[in-house]
Amino acid sequence: MTRRLACVRGLVAVGLAGCAGLTAPQEQGWRAFHDCQPAASSAALEDLTLSGRVNYRTQEGVDFSAMKACMESRGYACDLGLAIGARPHTHCYPKSS
């Protein structure tokens, strides 16, 4: 029992080490997405790359427009990634300064 508990603790420690924190661009993307999300209730974060690119999808067309406009107002250039049915996946890249 003690050995199992030690193994579980070890696995948890290794898992948490990989989640030490976000890069500065990721933090900026996280903040921008969550600041914009109230205006686009169906927007769901899909991925946040090391470079700060925010990938998300929306269920509603109006949410797509609202989210894209909000992200662009926060310094991102957005384009439509894949459209799967009526659920566009959008990629927003931090604009170079």
PDB file of N, CA and C in Angstrom:
ATOM      1  N   MET A   1       0.818  -1.193   0.000  1.00  0.00           N
ATOM      2  CA  MET A   1       0.000   0.000   0.000  1.00  0.00           C
ATOM      3  C   MET A   1       0.864   1.261   0.000  1.00  0.00           C
ATOM      4  N   THR A   2       1.887   1.273   0.851  1.00  0.00           N
ATOM      5  CA  THR A   2       2.770   2.432   0.933  1.00  0.00           C
ATOM      6  C   THR A   2       3.503   2.636  -0.380  1.00  0.00           C
ATOM      7  N   ARG A   3       3.899   1.529  -1.000  1.00  0.00           N
ATOM      8  CA  ARG A   3       4.609   1.626  -2.274  1.00  0.00           C
ATOM      9  C   ARG A   3       3.702   2.201  -3.365  1.00  0.00           C
ATOM     10  N   ARG A   4       2.439   1.786  -3.399  1.00  0.00           N
ATOM     11  CA  ARG A   4       1.489   2.321  -4.376  1.00  0.00           C
ATOM     12  C   ARG A   4       1.298   3.820  -4.176  1.00  0.00           C
ATOM     13  N   LEU A   5       1.156   4.211  -2.938  1.00  0.00           N
ATOM     14  CA  LEU A   5       0.979   5.625  -2.622  1.00  0.00           C
ATOM     15  C   LEU A   5       2.198   6.441  -3.073  1.00  0.00           C
ATOM     16  N   ALA A   6       3.388   5.887  -2.885  1.00  0.00           N
ATOM     17  CA  ALA A   6       4.613   6.563  -3.318  1.00  0.00           C
ATOM     18  C   ALA A   6       4.633   6.691  -4.840  1.00  0.00           C
ATOM     19  N   CYS A   7       4.183   5.658  -5.545  1.00  0.00           N
ATOM     20  CA  CYS A   7       4.132   5.711  -7.014  1.00  0.00           C
ATOM     21  C   CYS A   7       3.151   6.774  -7.495  1.00  0.00           C
ATOM     22  N   VAL A   8       2.003   6.836  -6.857  1.00  0.00           N
ATOM     23  CA  VAL A   8       0.999   7.835  -7.229  1.00  0.00           C
ATOM     24  C   VAL A   8       1.537   9.234  -6.979  1.00  0.00           C
ATOM     25  N   ARG A   9       2.174   9.447  -5.837  1.00  0.00           N
ATOM     26  CA  ARG A   9       2.764  10.759  -5.545  1.00  0.00           C
ATOM     27  C   ARG A   9       3.819  11.132  -6.573  1.00  0.00           C
ATOM     28  N   GLY A  10       4.628  10.156  -6.977  1.00  0.00           N
ATOM     29  CA  GLY A  10       5.661  10.404  -7.987  1.00  0.00           C
ATOM     30  C   GLY A  10       5.057  10.801  -9.322  1.00  0.00           C
ATOM     31  N   LEU A  11       3.991  10.103  -9.722  1.00  0.00           N
ATOM     32  CA  LEU A  11       3.332  10.424 -10.992  1.00  0.00           C
ATOM     33  C   LEU A  11       2.694  11.807 -10.946  1.00  0.00           C
ATOM     34  N   VAL A  12       2.095  12.151  -9.840  1.00  0.00           N
ATOM     35  CA  VAL A  12       1.490  13.474  -9.690  1.00  0.00           C
ATOM     36  C   VAL A  12       2.569  14.549  -9.757  1.00  0.00           C
ATOM     37  N   ALA A  13       3.685  14.331  -9.105  1.00  0.00           N
ATOM     38  CA  ALA A  13       4.781  15.310  -9.123  1.00  0.00           C
ATOM     39  C   ALA A  13       5.313  15.509 -10.531  1.00  0.00           C
ATOM     40  N   VAL A  14       5.484  14.420 -11.277  1.00  0.00           N
ATOM     41  CA  VAL A  14       5.968  14.517 -12.656  1.00  0.00           C
ATOM     42  C   VAL A  14       4.950  15.261 -13.506  1.00  0.00           C
ATOM     43  N   GLY A  15       3.670  14.958 -13.328  1.00  0.00           N
ATOM     44  CA  GLY A  15       2.621  15.634 -14.090  1.00  0.00           C
ATOM     45  C   GLY A  15       2.575  17.117 -13.805  1.00  0.00           C
ATOM     46  N   LEU A  16       2.709  17.493 -12.550  1.00  0.00           N
ATOM     47  CA  LEU A  16       2.673  18.906 -12.189  1.00  0.00           C
ATOM     48  C   LEU A  16       3.907  19.654 -12.662  1.00  0.00           C
ATOM     49  N   ALA A  17       5.019  18.977 -12.760  1.00  0.00           N
ATOM     50  CA  ALA A  17       6.243  19.634 -13.232  1.00  0.00           C
ATOM     51  C   ALA A  17       6.071  20.129 -14.660  1.00  0.00           C
ATOM     52  N   GLY A  18       5.303  19.396 -15.461  1.00  0.00           N
ATOM     53  CA  GLY A  18       5.052  19.808 -16.833  1.00  0.00           C
ATOM     54  C   GLY A  18       4.085  20.973 -16.919  1.00  0.00           C
ATOM     55  N   CYS A  19       3.410  21.291 -15.839  1.00  0.00           N
ATOM     56  CA  CYS A  19       2.418  22.360 -15.810  1.00  0.00           C
ATOM     57  C   CYS A  19       2.921  23.542 -14.985  1.00  0.00           C
ATOM     58  N   ALA A  20       4.214  23.774 -15.020  1.00  0.00           N
ATOM     59  CA  ALA A  20       4.822  24.787 -14.160  1.00  0.00           C
ATOM     60  C   ALA A  20       4.248  26.176 -14.395  1.00  0.00           C
ATOM     61  N   GLY A  21       3.808  26.473 -15.581  1.00  0.00           N
ATOM     62  CA  GLY A  21       3.250  27.787 -15.840  1.00  0.00           C
ATOM     63  C   GLY A  21       3.189  28.070 -17.322  1.00  0.00           C
ATOM     64  N   LEU A  22       2.631  29.203 -17.647  1.00  0.00           N
ATOM     65  CA  LEU A  22       2.494  29.610 -19.040  1.00  0.00           C
ATOM     66  C   LEU A  22       3.635  30.549 -19.414  1.00  0.00           C
ATOM     67  N   THR A  23       3.981  30.548 -20.695  1.00  0.00           N
ATOM     68  CA  THR A  23       4.933  31.538 -21.193  1.00  0.00           C
ATOM     69  C   THR A  23       4.224  32.896 -21.195  1.00  0.00           C
ATOM     70  N   ALA A  24       4.983  33.957 -21.316  1.00  0.00           N
ATOM     71  CA  ALA A  24       4.382  35.302 -21.350  1.00  0.00           C
ATOM     72  C   ALA A  24       3.379  35.433 -22.508  1.00  0.00           C
ATOM     73  N   PRO A  25       3.710  34.963 -23.733  1.00  0.00           N
ATOM     74  CA  PRO A  25       2.721  35.041 -24.816  1.00  0.00           C
ATOM     75  C   PRO A  25       1.469  34.201 -24.541  1.00  0.00           C
ATOM     76  N   GLN A  26       1.636  33.033 -23.907  1.00  0.00           N
ATOM     77  CA  GLN A  26       0.472  32.215 -23.560  1.00  0.00           C
ATOM     78  C   GLN A  26      -0.397  32.920 -22.535  1.00  0.00           C
ATOM     79  N   GLU A  27       0.232  33.533 -21.552  1.00  0.00           N
ATOM     80  CA  GLU A  27      -0.510  34.261 -20.522  1.00  0.00           C
ATOM     81  C   GLU A  27      -1.322  35.391 -21.151  1.00  0.00           C
ATOM     82  N   GLN A  28      -0.718  36.093 -22.092  1.00  0.00           N
ATOM     83  CA  GLN A  28      -1.407  37.175 -22.791  1.00  0.00           C
ATOM     84  C   GLN A  28      -2.596  36.620 -23.581  1.00  0.00           C
ATOM     85  N   GLY A  29      -2.399  35.501 -24.270  1.00  0.00           N
ATOM     86  CA  GLY A  29      -3.475  34.877 -25.030  1.00  0.00           C
ATOM     87  C   GLY A  29      -4.602  34.379 -24.137  1.00  0.00           C
ATOM     88  N   TRP A  30      -4.234  33.769 -23.016  1.00  0.00           N
ATOM     89  CA  TRP A  30      -5.213  33.281 -22.044  1.00  0.00           C
ATOM     90  C   TRP A  30      -6.085  34.428 -21.549  1.00  0.00           C
ATOM     91  N   ARG A  31      -5.419  35.518 -21.189  1.00  0.00           N
ATOM     92  CA  ARG A  31      -6.131  36.686 -20.674  1.00  0.00           C
ATOM     93  C   ARG A  31      -7.058  37.279 -21.737  1.00  0.00           C
ATOM     94  N   ALA A  32      -6.541  37.426 -22.960  1.00  0.00           N
ATOM     95  CA  ALA A  32      -7.351  38.003 -24.041  1.00  0.00           C
ATOM     96  C   ALA A  32      -8.574  37.136 -24.319  1.00  0.00           C
ATOM     97  N   PHE A  33      -8.374  35.820 -24.426  1.00  0.00           N
ATOM     98  CA  PHE A  33      -9.498  34.925 -24.702  1.00  0.00           C
ATOM     99  C   PHE A  33     -10.565  35.048 -23.618  1.00  0.00           C
ATOM    100  N   HIS A  34     -10.152  34.981 -22.368  1.00  0.00           N
ATOM    101  CA  HIS A  34     -11.125  35.010 -21.274  1.00  0.00           C
ATOM    102  C   HIS A  34     -11.755  36.392 -21.084  1.00  0.00           C
ATOM    103  N   ASP A  35     -11.051  37.452 -21.463  1.00  0.00           N
ATOM    104  CA  ASP A  35     -11.658  38.781 -21.437  1.00  0.00           C
ATOM    105  C   ASP A  35     -12.743  38.901 -22.511  1.00  0.00           C
ATOM    106  N   CYS A  36     -12.538  38.239 -23.639  1.00  0.00           N
ATOM    107  CA  CYS A  36     -13.477  38.325 -24.764  1.00  0.00           C
ATOM    108  C   CYS A  36     -14.633  37.334 -24.661  1.00  0.00           C
ATOM    109  N   GLN A  37     -14.452  36.272 -23.951  1.00  0.00           N
ATOM    110  CA  GLN A  37     -15.439  35.191 -23.927  1.00  0.00           C
ATOM    111  C   GLN A  37     -16.838  35.607 -23.455  1.00  0.00           C
ATOM    112  N   PRO A  38     -16.996  36.519 -22.505  1.00  0.00           N
ATOM    113  CA  PRO A  38     -18.365  36.884 -22.099  1.00  0.00           C
ATOM    114  C   PRO A  38     -19.235  37.395 -23.257  1.00  0.00           C
ATOM    115  N   ALA A  39     -18.631  37.992 -24.264  1.00  0.00           N
ATOM    116  CA  ALA A  39     -19.389  38.490 -25.412  1.00  0.00           C
ATOM    117  C   ALA A  39     -19.692  37.387 -26.423  1.00  0.00           C
ATOM    118  N   ALA A  40     -19.092  36.220 -26.229  1.00  0.00           N
ATOM    119  CA  ALA A  40     -19.258  35.097 -27.168  1.00  0.00           C
ATOM    120  C   ALA A  40     -19.399  33.814 -26.353  1.00  0.00           C
ATOM    121  N   SER A  41     -20.581  33.607 -25.817  1.00  0.00           N
ATOM    122  CA  SER A  41     -20.775  32.531 -24.845  1.00  0.00           C
ATOM    123  C   SER A  41     -20.477  31.129 -25.364  1.00  0.00           C
ATOM    124  N   SER A  42     -20.555  30.908 -26.678  1.00  0.00           N
ATOM    125  CA  SER A  42     -20.280  29.559 -27.190  1.00  0.00           C
ATOM    126  C   SER A  42     -18.808  29.341 -27.536  1.00  0.00           C
ATOM    127  N   ALA A  43     -17.973  30.361 -27.352  1.00  0.00           N
ATOM    128  CA  ALA A  43     -16.548  30.215 -27.667  1.00  0.00           C
ATOM    129  C   ALA A  43     -15.880  29.283 -26.662  1.00  0.00           C
ATOM    130  N   ALA A  44     -15.091  28.341 -27.206  1.00  0.00           N
ATOM    131  CA  ALA A  44     -14.377  27.390 -26.354  1.00  0.00           C
ATOM    132  C   ALA A  44     -12.914  27.353 -26.782  1.00  0.00           C
ATOM    133  N   LEU A  45     -12.029  27.526 -25.827  1.00  0.00           N
ATOM    134  CA  LEU A  45     -10.599  27.493 -26.092  1.00  0.00           C
ATOM    135  C   LEU A  45     -10.194  26.073 -26.458  1.00  0.00           C
ATOM    136  N   GLU A  46      -9.539  25.919 -27.606  1.00  0.00           N
ATOM    137  CA  GLU A  46      -9.089  24.611 -28.072  1.00  0.00           C
ATOM    138  C   GLU A  46      -7.616  24.374 -27.773  1.00  0.00           C
ATOM    139  N   ASP A  47      -6.796  25.411 -27.974  1.00  0.00           N
ATOM    140  CA  ASP A  47      -5.355  25.257 -27.826  1.00  0.00           C
ATOM    141  C   ASP A  47      -4.736  26.626 -27.607  1.00  0.00           C
ATOM    142  N   LEU A  48      -3.630  26.636 -26.896  1.00  0.00           N
ATOM    143  CA  LEU A  48      -2.878  27.862 -26.632  1.00  0.00           C
ATOM    144  C   LEU A  48      -1.414  27.490 -26.823  1.00  0.00           C
ATOM    145  N   THR A  49      -0.823  27.891 -27.954  1.00  0.00           N
ATOM    146  CA  THR A  49       0.529  27.471 -28.288  1.00  0.00           C
ATOM    147  C   THR A  49       1.571  28.284 -27.528  1.00  0.00           C
ATOM    148  N   LEU A  50       2.792  27.785 -27.497  1.00  0.00           N
ATOM    149  CA  LEU A  50       3.888  28.481 -26.816  1.00  0.00           C
ATOM    150  C   LEU A  50       4.101  29.886 -27.360  1.00  0.00           C
ATOM    151  N   SER A  51       3.825  30.075 -28.660  1.00  0.00           N
ATOM    152  CA  SER A  51       4.016  31.388 -29.282  1.00  0.00           C
ATOM    153  C   SER A  51       2.902  32.371 -28.920  1.00  0.00           C
ATOM    154  N   GLY A  52       1.856  31.868 -28.245  1.00  0.00           N
ATOM    155  CA  GLY A  52       0.748  32.723 -27.865  1.00  0.00           C
ATOM    156  C   GLY A  52      -0.431  32.667 -28.813  1.00  0.00           C
ATOM    157  N   ARG A  53      -0.351  31.801 -29.848  1.00  0.00           N
ATOM    158  CA  ARG A  53      -1.488  31.662 -30.760  1.00  0.00           C
ATOM    159  C   ARG A  53      -2.644  31.027 -30.000  1.00  0.00           C
ATOM    160  N   VAL A  54      -3.814  31.626 -30.137  1.00  0.00           N
ATOM    161  CA  VAL A  54      -5.024  31.153 -29.468  1.00  0.00           C
ATOM    162  C   VAL A  54      -5.899  30.476 -30.519  1.00  0.00           C
ATOM    163  N   ASN A  55      -6.209  29.215 -30.297  1.00  0.00           N
ATOM    164  CA  ASN A  55      -7.101  28.476 -31.187  1.00  0.00           C
ATOM    165  C   ASN A  55      -8.393  28.204 -30.426  1.00  0.00           C
ATOM    166  N   TYR A  56      -9.498  28.599 -31.018  1.00  0.00           N
ATOM    167  CA  TYR A  56     -10.786  28.383 -30.356  1.00  0.00           C
ATOM    168  C   TYR A  56     -11.844  28.062 -31.393  1.00  0.00           C
ATOM    169  N   ARG A  57     -12.982  27.586 -30.925  1.00  0.00           N
ATOM    170  CA  ARG A  57     -14.115  27.327 -31.810  1.00  0.00           C
ATOM    171  C   ARG A  57     -15.347  27.997 -31.229  1.00  0.00           C
ATOM    172  N   THR A  58     -16.298  28.257 -32.096  1.00  0.00           N
ATOM    173  CA  THR A  58     -17.568  28.832 -31.665  1.00  0.00           C
ATOM    174  C   THR A  58     -18.707  28.002 -32.243  1.00  0.00           C
ATOM    175  N   GLN A  59     -19.832  28.049 -31.581  1.00  0.00           N
ATOM    176  CA  GLN A  59     -21.017  27.327 -32.041  1.00  0.00           C
ATOM    177  C   GLN A  59     -21.921  28.215 -32.888  1.00  0.00           C
ATOM    178  N   GLU A  60     -21.885  29.499 -32.654  1.00  0.00           N
ATOM    179  CA  GLU A  60     -22.800  30.439 -33.298  1.00  0.00           C
ATOM    180  C   GLU A  60     -22.038  31.460 -34.131  1.00  0.00           C
ATOM    181  N   GLY A  61     -22.589  31.838 -35.268  1.00  0.00           N
ATOM    182  CA  GLY A  61     -21.960  32.821 -36.143  1.00  0.00           C
ATOM    183  C   GLY A  61     -21.769  34.159 -35.477  1.00  0.00           C
ATOM    184  N   VAL A  62     -22.747  34.599 -34.696  1.00  0.00           N
ATOM    185  CA  VAL A  62     -22.632  35.886 -34.015  1.00  0.00           C
ATOM    186  C   VAL A  62     -21.488  35.842 -32.998  1.00  0.00           C
ATOM    187  N   ASP A  63     -21.296  34.687 -32.368  1.00  0.00           N
ATOM    188  CA  ASP A  63     -20.180  34.543 -31.426  1.00  0.00           C
ATOM    189  C   ASP A  63     -18.846  34.582 -32.151  1.00  0.00           C
ATOM    190  N   PHE A  64     -18.803  34.007 -33.351  1.00  0.00           N
ATOM    191  CA  PHE A  64     -17.577  34.056 -34.152  1.00  0.00           C
ATOM    192  C   PHE A  64     -17.195  35.509 -34.411  1.00  0.00           C
ATOM    193  N   SER A  65     -18.155  36.301 -34.861  1.00  0.00           N
ATOM    194  CA  SER A  65     -17.880  37.709 -35.179  1.00  0.00           C
ATOM    195  C   SER A  65     -17.471  38.497 -33.948  1.00  0.00           C
ATOM    196  N   ALA A  66     -18.185  38.306 -32.853  1.00  0.00           N
ATOM    197  CA  ALA A  66     -17.887  39.044 -31.627  1.00  0.00           C
ATOM    198  C   ALA A  66     -16.515  38.674 -31.077  1.00  0.00           C
ATOM    199  N   MET A  67     -16.210  37.394 -31.067  1.00  0.00           N
ATOM    200  CA  MET A  67     -14.932  36.934 -30.518  1.00  0.00           C
ATOM    201  C   MET A  67     -13.767  37.409 -31.383  1.00  0.00           C
ATOM    202  N   LYS A  68     -13.909  37.283 -32.692  1.00  0.00           N
ATOM    203  CA  LYS A  68     -12.851  37.708 -33.615  1.00  0.00           C
ATOM    204  C   LYS A  68     -12.590  39.211 -33.456  1.00  0.00           C
ATOM    205  N   ALA A  69     -13.638  40.018 -33.406  1.00  0.00           N
ATOM    206  CA  ALA A  69     -13.478  41.469 -33.257  1.00  0.00           C
ATOM    207  C   ALA A  69     -12.805  41.805 -31.918  1.00  0.00           C
ATOM    208  N   CYS A  70     -13.206  41.123 -30.864  1.00  0.00           N
ATOM    209  CA  CYS A  70     -12.628  41.385 -29.548  1.00  0.00           C
ATOM    210  C   CYS A  70     -11.151  41.005 -29.510  1.00  0.00           C
ATOM    211  N   MET A  71     -10.805  39.831 -30.047  1.00  0.00           N
ATOM    212  CA  MET A  71      -9.406  39.399 -30.051  1.00  0.00           C
ATOM    213  C   MET A  71      -8.558  40.361 -30.889  1.00  0.00           C
ATOM    214  N   GLU A  72      -9.095  40.807 -32.020  1.00  0.00           N
ATOM    215  CA  GLU A  72      -8.349  41.740 -32.863  1.00  0.00           C
ATOM    216  C   GLU A  72      -8.151  43.081 -32.156  1.00  0.00           C
ATOM    217  N   SER A  73      -9.110  43.487 -31.339  1.00  0.00           N
ATOM    218  CA  SER A  73      -8.956  44.743 -30.594  1.00  0.00           C
ATOM    219  C   SER A  73      -7.892  44.617 -29.505  1.00  0.00           C
ATOM    220  N   ARG A  74      -7.519  43.400 -29.178  1.00  0.00           N
ATOM    221  CA  ARG A  74      -6.491  43.151 -28.163  1.00  0.00           C
ATOM    222  C   ARG A  74      -5.138  42.788 -28.781  1.00  0.00           C
ATOM    223  N   GLY A  75      -4.968  43.083 -30.062  1.00  0.00           N
ATOM    224  CA  GLY A  75      -3.668  42.913 -30.689  1.00  0.00           C
ATOM    225  C   GLY A  75      -3.425  41.579 -31.363  1.00  0.00           C
ATOM    226  N   TYR A  76      -4.479  40.891 -31.775  1.00  0.00           N
ATOM    227  CA  TYR A  76      -4.339  39.607 -32.460  1.00  0.00           C
ATOM    228  C   TYR A  76      -4.832  39.721 -33.892  1.00  0.00           C
ATOM    229  N   ALA A  77      -4.229  38.956 -34.770  1.00  0.00           N
ATOM    230  CA  ALA A  77      -4.694  38.805 -36.145  1.00  0.00           C
ATOM    231  C   ALA A  77      -5.344  37.428 -36.218  1.00  0.00           C
ATOM    232  N   CYS A  78      -6.616  37.393 -36.592  1.00  0.00           N
ATOM    233  CA  CYS A  78      -7.355  36.129 -36.569  1.00  0.00           C
ATOM    234  C   CYS A  78      -7.743  35.694 -37.973  1.00  0.00           C
ATOM    235  N   ASP A  79      -7.712  34.391 -38.167  1.00  0.00           N
ATOM    236  CA  ASP A  79      -8.209  33.829 -39.416  1.00  0.00           C
ATOM    237  C   ASP A  79      -8.961  32.542 -39.120  1.00  0.00           C
ATOM    238  N   LEU A  80      -9.765  32.162 -40.067  1.00  0.00           N
ATOM    239  CA  LEU A  80     -10.558  30.962 -39.921  1.00  0.00           C
ATOM    240  C   LEU A  80      -9.669  29.757 -40.197  1.00  0.00           C
ATOM    241  N   GLY A  81      -9.611  28.861 -39.256  1.00  0.00           N
ATOM    242  CA  GLY A  81      -8.864  27.622 -39.439  1.00  0.00           C
ATOM    243  C   GLY A  81      -9.723  26.648 -40.208  1.00  0.00           C
ATOM    244  N   LEU A  82     -10.182  25.619 -39.558  1.00  0.00           N
ATOM    245  CA  LEU A  82     -11.047  24.628 -40.171  1.00  0.00           C
ATOM    246  C   LEU A  82     -12.491  24.925 -39.814  1.00  0.00           C
ATOM    247  N   ALA A  83     -13.379  24.704 -40.754  1.00  0.00           N
ATOM    248  CA  ALA A  83     -14.803  24.805 -40.461  1.00  0.00           C
ATOM    249  C   ALA A  83     -15.371  23.400 -40.488  1.00  0.00           C
ATOM    250  N   ILE A  84     -15.816  22.937 -39.347  1.00  0.00           N
ATOM    251  CA  ILE A  84     -16.415  21.611 -39.263  1.00  0.00           C
ATOM    252  C   ILE A  84     -17.898  21.825 -39.047  1.00  0.00           C
ATOM    253  N   GLY A  85     -18.669  21.645 -40.106  1.00  0.00           N
ATOM    254  CA  GLY A  85     -20.093  21.949 -40.027  1.00  0.00           C
ATOM    255  C   GLY A  85     -20.266  23.428 -39.777  1.00  0.00           C
ATOM    256  N   ALA A  86     -21.044  23.773 -38.773  1.00  0.00           N
ATOM    257  CA  ALA A  86     -21.288  25.178 -38.437  1.00  0.00           C
ATOM    258  C   ALA A  86     -20.385  25.629 -37.301  1.00  0.00           C
ATOM    259  N   ARG A  87     -19.314  24.896 -37.024  1.00  0.00           N
ATOM    260  CA  ARG A  87     -18.436  25.237 -35.900  1.00  0.00           C
ATOM    261  C   ARG A  87     -17.072  25.676 -36.409  1.00  0.00           C
ATOM    262  N   PRO A  88     -16.913  26.946 -36.705  1.00  0.00           N
ATOM    263  CA  PRO A  88     -15.610  27.392 -37.188  1.00  0.00           C
ATOM    264  C   PRO A  88     -14.541  27.348 -36.092  1.00  0.00           C
ATOM    265  N   HIS A  89     -13.383  26.869 -36.477  1.00  0.00           N
ATOM    266  CA  HIS A  89     -12.215  26.898 -35.591  1.00  0.00           C
ATOM    267  C   HIS A  89     -11.387  28.091 -36.016  1.00  0.00           C
ATOM    268  N   THR A  90     -11.086  28.964 -35.102  1.00  0.00           N
ATOM    269  CA  THR A  90     -10.394  30.207 -35.416  1.00  0.00           C
ATOM    270  C   THR A  90      -9.017  30.207 -34.786  1.00  0.00           C
ATOM    271  N   HIS A  91      -8.051  30.738 -35.526  1.00  0.00           N
ATOM    272  CA  HIS A  91      -6.671  30.868 -35.027  1.00  0.00           C
ATOM    273  C   HIS A  91      -6.368  32.355 -34.925  1.00  0.00           C
ATOM    274  N   CYS A  92      -5.947  32.790 -33.750  1.00  0.00           N
ATOM    275  CA  CYS A  92      -5.587  34.192 -33.532  1.00  0.00           C
ATOM    276  C   CYS A  92      -4.116  34.264 -33.140  1.00  0.00           C
ATOM    277  N   TYR A  93      -3.352  35.002 -33.930  1.00  0.00           N
ATOM    278  CA  TYR A  93      -1.918  35.141 -33.749  1.00  0.00           C
ATOM    279  C   TYR A  93      -1.593  36.495 -33.141  1.00  0.00           C
ATOM    280  N   PRO A  94      -0.686  36.540 -32.166  1.00  0.00           N
ATOM    281  CA  PRO A  94      -0.274  37.851 -31.640  1.00  0.00           C
ATOM    282  C   PRO A  94       0.382  38.657 -32.768  1.00  0.00           C
ATOM    283  N   LYS A  95      -0.009  39.908 -32.916  1.00  0.00           N
ATOM    284  CA  LYS A  95       0.611  40.756 -33.939  1.00  0.00           C
ATOM    285  C   LYS A  95       2.011  41.112 -33.490  1.00  0.00           C
ATOM    286  N   SER A  96       2.920  41.155 -34.435  1.00  0.00           N
ATOM    287  CA  SER A  96       4.307  41.540 -34.121  1.00  0.00           C
ATOM    288  C   SER A  96       4.352  43.035 -33.826  1.00  0.00           C
ATOM    289  N   SER A  97       5.120  43.372 -32.830  1.00  0.00           N
ATOM    290  CA  SER A  97       5.232  44.793 -32.454  1.00  0.00           C
ATOM    291  C   SER A  97       6.240  45.488 -33.306  1.00  0.00           C
TER     292      SER A  97
END
